[in-house]
Protein backbone atom coordinates (compact mmCIF):
# COMPACT_ATOMS: atom_id res chain seq x y z
CA MET A 1 -2.75 6.41 -113.24
CA SER A 2 -1.41 3.34 -111.35
CA ARG A 3 1.11 0.74 -112.42
CA SER A 4 -1.65 -1.91 -112.60
CA ILE A 5 -3.33 0.21 -115.28
CA LEU A 6 -0.05 0.32 -117.17
CA VAL A 7 0.13 -3.45 -117.09
CA PHE A 8 -3.43 -3.64 -118.41
CA LEU A 9 -2.62 -1.21 -121.23
CA SER A 10 0.52 -3.12 -122.08
CA THR A 11 -1.33 -6.41 -122.25
CA PHE A 12 -4.07 -4.85 -124.36
CA VAL A 13 -1.58 -3.45 -126.85
CA LEU A 14 0.31 -6.75 -126.94
CA ASN A 15 -2.83 -8.75 -127.71
CA LYS A 16 -4.31 -6.28 -130.16
CA TYR A 17 -1.25 -5.51 -132.21
CA LYS A 18 0.73 -8.72 -131.60
CA LEU A 19 3.81 -6.81 -130.53
CA LYS A 20 6.92 -8.60 -129.40
CA MET A 21 7.73 -8.73 -125.70
CA LYS A 22 10.69 -6.41 -126.25
CA ASN A 23 8.39 -3.72 -127.65
CA ILE A 24 5.84 -4.09 -124.87
CA ILE A 25 8.59 -3.69 -122.25
CA LEU A 26 9.75 -0.50 -123.95
CA PHE A 27 6.13 0.68 -124.05
CA THR A 28 5.70 0.07 -120.31
CA VAL A 29 9.00 1.74 -119.40
CA PHE A 30 8.02 4.78 -121.46
CA PHE A 31 4.73 5.27 -119.61
CA CYS A 32 6.36 4.60 -116.23
CA ASN A 33 8.77 7.46 -116.92
CA ILE A 34 5.87 9.76 -117.78
CA LEU A 35 4.12 8.85 -114.52
CA THR A 36 7.30 9.51 -112.56
CA VAL A 37 7.61 13.01 -114.03
CA PHE A 38 4.00 13.85 -113.14
CA ALA A 39 4.36 12.39 -109.64
CA GLN A 40 7.48 14.46 -108.99
CA LYS A 41 5.73 17.59 -110.24
CA GLU A 42 2.80 16.98 -107.91
CA GLU A 43 5.07 16.38 -104.90
CA ASN A 44 7.07 19.55 -105.60
CA MET A 45 4.14 21.89 -106.25
CA GLU A 46 4.41 23.33 -102.75
CA LYS A 47 8.17 23.86 -102.87
CA ILE A 48 10.25 26.68 -104.23
CA LYS A 49 11.69 25.93 -107.64
CA ASN A 50 15.20 27.19 -108.33
CA GLU A 51 14.41 27.85 -111.98
CA THR A 52 11.58 30.31 -111.29
CA PRO A 53 12.34 33.86 -112.50
CA VAL A 54 11.36 35.48 -109.18
CA ARG A 55 12.36 34.02 -105.82
CA TYR A 56 13.72 35.09 -102.43
CA SER A 57 14.42 33.58 -99.01
CA ASN A 58 15.57 34.99 -95.68
CA SER A 59 15.37 34.28 -91.95
CA VAL A 60 15.25 36.04 -88.61
CA VAL A 61 15.75 35.06 -84.96
CA ILE A 62 12.85 36.11 -82.74
CA ASN A 63 13.08 36.50 -78.97
CA ALA A 64 9.78 34.73 -78.40
CA SER A 65 8.49 31.20 -77.95
CA ILE A 66 7.65 29.17 -81.01
CA ASP A 67 4.01 29.02 -79.85
CA THR A 68 3.81 32.81 -79.86
CA VAL A 69 5.39 33.15 -83.30
CA TRP A 70 3.11 30.47 -84.71
CA SER A 71 0.07 32.20 -83.27
CA VAL A 72 0.98 35.53 -84.87
CA LEU A 73 1.96 34.02 -88.20
CA THR A 74 -1.11 31.83 -88.70
CA ASP A 75 -3.77 34.28 -87.49
CA ILE A 76 -4.63 35.24 -91.06
CA ASN A 77 -7.72 37.28 -90.20
CA ASN A 78 -5.60 39.62 -88.06
CA TRP A 79 -2.60 40.06 -90.37
CA SER A 80 -3.68 43.59 -91.23
CA SER A 81 -3.46 44.65 -87.56
CA TRP A 82 0.36 44.44 -87.62
CA GLN A 83 1.46 43.84 -91.24
CA THR A 84 1.38 47.30 -92.80
CA ASP A 85 1.50 45.98 -96.39
CA ILE A 86 -1.72 44.01 -95.89
CA LYS A 87 -5.00 45.91 -95.91
CA LYS A 88 -7.33 42.97 -95.40
CA ALA A 89 -7.22 39.19 -95.06
CA LYS A 90 -10.00 36.64 -94.68
CA LEU A 91 -9.64 32.89 -94.07
CA PHE A 92 -12.51 30.70 -95.25
CA GLY A 93 -12.94 27.65 -93.03
CA GLU A 94 -10.51 26.14 -90.55
CA LEU A 95 -6.74 26.50 -90.50
CA HIS A 96 -5.71 23.41 -92.46
CA SER A 97 -4.38 22.50 -95.89
CA LYS A 98 -6.67 23.19 -98.85
CA SER A 99 -8.52 25.96 -96.98
CA THR A 100 -8.62 29.17 -99.00
CA PHE A 101 -8.18 32.80 -98.06
CA GLU A 102 -8.37 36.17 -99.77
CA TRP A 103 -6.11 39.08 -98.96
CA LYS A 104 -4.94 42.42 -100.28
CA SER A 105 -1.23 43.15 -100.15
CA GLY A 106 0.54 46.03 -101.82
CA GLY A 107 -2.73 47.11 -103.38
CA ILE A 108 -3.23 43.74 -105.12
CA ASN A 109 -6.06 41.31 -104.38
CA ILE A 110 -4.79 37.73 -104.02
CA ASN A 111 -6.60 34.39 -103.83
CA SER A 112 -4.57 31.77 -101.96
CA THR A 113 -4.84 28.15 -100.86
CA LEU A 114 -3.11 26.77 -97.78
CA GLN A 115 -0.85 23.85 -98.67
CA ILE A 116 1.19 23.23 -95.53
CA VAL A 117 -0.12 23.62 -91.97
CA GLU A 118 2.17 21.75 -89.59
CA MET A 119 1.92 23.30 -86.15
CA ASN A 120 5.09 25.07 -84.99
CA LYS A 121 7.00 23.69 -87.99
CA GLN A 122 5.74 24.69 -91.43
CA PHE A 123 3.13 27.02 -92.84
CA GLY A 124 2.69 27.69 -96.53
CA TRP A 125 0.33 28.52 -99.35
CA THR A 126 0.05 28.98 -103.08
CA GLY A 127 -1.64 31.96 -104.70
CA LYS A 128 -2.62 33.46 -108.02
CA SER A 129 -2.94 37.09 -109.06
CA LEU A 130 -2.46 38.99 -112.33
CA GLY A 131 -1.32 35.84 -114.11
CA ILE A 132 1.39 35.10 -111.53
CA PHE A 133 1.52 31.81 -109.60
CA ALA A 134 3.30 32.13 -106.26
CA VAL A 135 4.51 29.65 -103.65
CA HIS A 136 5.07 31.05 -100.15
CA ASN A 137 6.47 28.96 -97.27
CA TRP A 138 7.47 29.59 -93.66
CA PHE A 139 9.66 27.29 -91.54
CA LEU A 140 9.97 27.51 -87.74
CA SER A 141 12.49 26.05 -85.29
CA GLU A 142 13.18 26.77 -81.61
CA LYS A 143 16.42 26.92 -79.64
CA GLU A 144 17.03 28.30 -76.15
CA ASN A 145 13.64 30.05 -75.98
CA ASN A 146 14.25 31.82 -79.29
CA THR A 147 12.54 31.03 -82.57
CA THR A 148 14.23 31.00 -85.95
CA LEU A 149 11.77 31.85 -88.69
CA ARG A 150 12.67 31.31 -92.33
CA VAL A 151 10.58 32.46 -95.27
CA GLU A 152 10.81 31.65 -98.96
CA GLU A 153 8.72 32.64 -101.94
CA SER A 154 8.81 32.11 -105.68
CA MET A 155 6.78 33.51 -108.56
CA GLU A 156 6.31 32.22 -112.07
CA GLY A 157 4.24 33.10 -115.12
CA PHE A 158 4.51 35.44 -118.09
CA LEU A 159 4.43 38.63 -115.99
CA ALA A 160 7.05 37.22 -113.60
CA LYS A 161 9.40 36.66 -116.55
CA PHE A 162 8.61 40.00 -118.15
CA MET A 163 9.14 41.98 -114.92
CA LYS A 164 11.78 39.72 -113.39
CA LYS A 165 14.13 42.43 -112.12
CA THR A 166 11.41 44.66 -110.66
CA LEU A 167 9.50 41.82 -109.00
CA ASN A 168 12.66 40.34 -107.45
CA LYS A 169 13.45 43.68 -105.80
CA LYS A 170 9.85 44.12 -104.65
CA LEU A 171 9.73 40.58 -103.24
CA GLU A 172 12.97 41.08 -101.31
CA THR A 173 11.71 44.34 -99.80
CA SER A 174 8.32 42.86 -98.98
CA LEU A 175 9.63 39.72 -97.25
CA LYS A 176 12.24 41.64 -95.26
CA LEU A 177 9.51 43.93 -94.00
CA TRP A 178 7.27 40.96 -93.20
CA LEU A 179 10.03 39.33 -91.14
CA ASP A 180 10.77 42.58 -89.26
CA LEU A 181 7.12 43.25 -88.49
CA LEU A 182 6.46 39.67 -87.45
CA LYS A 183 9.49 39.74 -85.15
CA THR A 184 8.28 43.00 -83.56
CA GLU A 185 4.71 41.74 -83.07
CA SER A 186 5.80 38.37 -81.68
CA GLU A 187 8.25 39.88 -79.19
CA LYS A 188 5.64 42.45 -78.13
CA ARG A 189 3.11 39.69 -77.43
CA MET A 190 5.73 37.60 -75.64
CA HIS A 191 6.62 40.53 -73.40
CA LEU A 192 2.94 41.18 -72.71
CA ASN A 193 2.36 37.52 -71.82
CA ILE A 194 5.29 37.54 -69.40
CA LYS A 195 4.13 40.80 -67.82
CA THR A 196 0.59 39.46 -67.43
CA SER A 197 1.87 36.25 -65.83
CA CYS A 198 3.95 38.23 -63.31
CA ILE A 199 0.94 40.34 -62.34
CA LEU A 200 -1.24 37.28 -61.92
CA ARG A 201 1.34 35.54 -59.74
CA ARG A 202 1.58 38.67 -57.58
CA TYR A 203 -2.13 38.77 -56.81
CA LEU A 204 -2.97 35.07 -56.75
């Protein structure tokens, strides 16, 4: 709903019910506040909320280029080749926001939607499973040929509140493992790329 619509509604109410200007101003301010709340909620849907019952964040420094880390992280269809918690993953469509993917992690089938795909900077999605709504974001930065990778995730919903303690421990364990495995895979690929380049330079 836009502000022009609010003006129209205000004018309509003023004419129909012959309200005083003071009342119509209060009416407009009231609806503007409602719109602001909804706008803020929409803007923050992809961000971690501090009040969620389950949440965790951590980071790791990877001895690999940011291009390599990004390639490993965003290759959804091949997650299961190095992420031992994930048994399968399938991206539907291209790698951009609003594309969906299905995956199985920790024995649970999850339907997710990409929300943030900013090359070499941010990668994130939202997902639903078993009545839990999750927000999962990755942030990348590069310094002196190393990449700092930060991950954060939150969960909310009835089950997240009911099993708060258990799910917080599971989430911490899961994301620590994900960071470790991603670091190992990225550094392995970086080493392989360097080794391949040296061989090519030798024979070319």
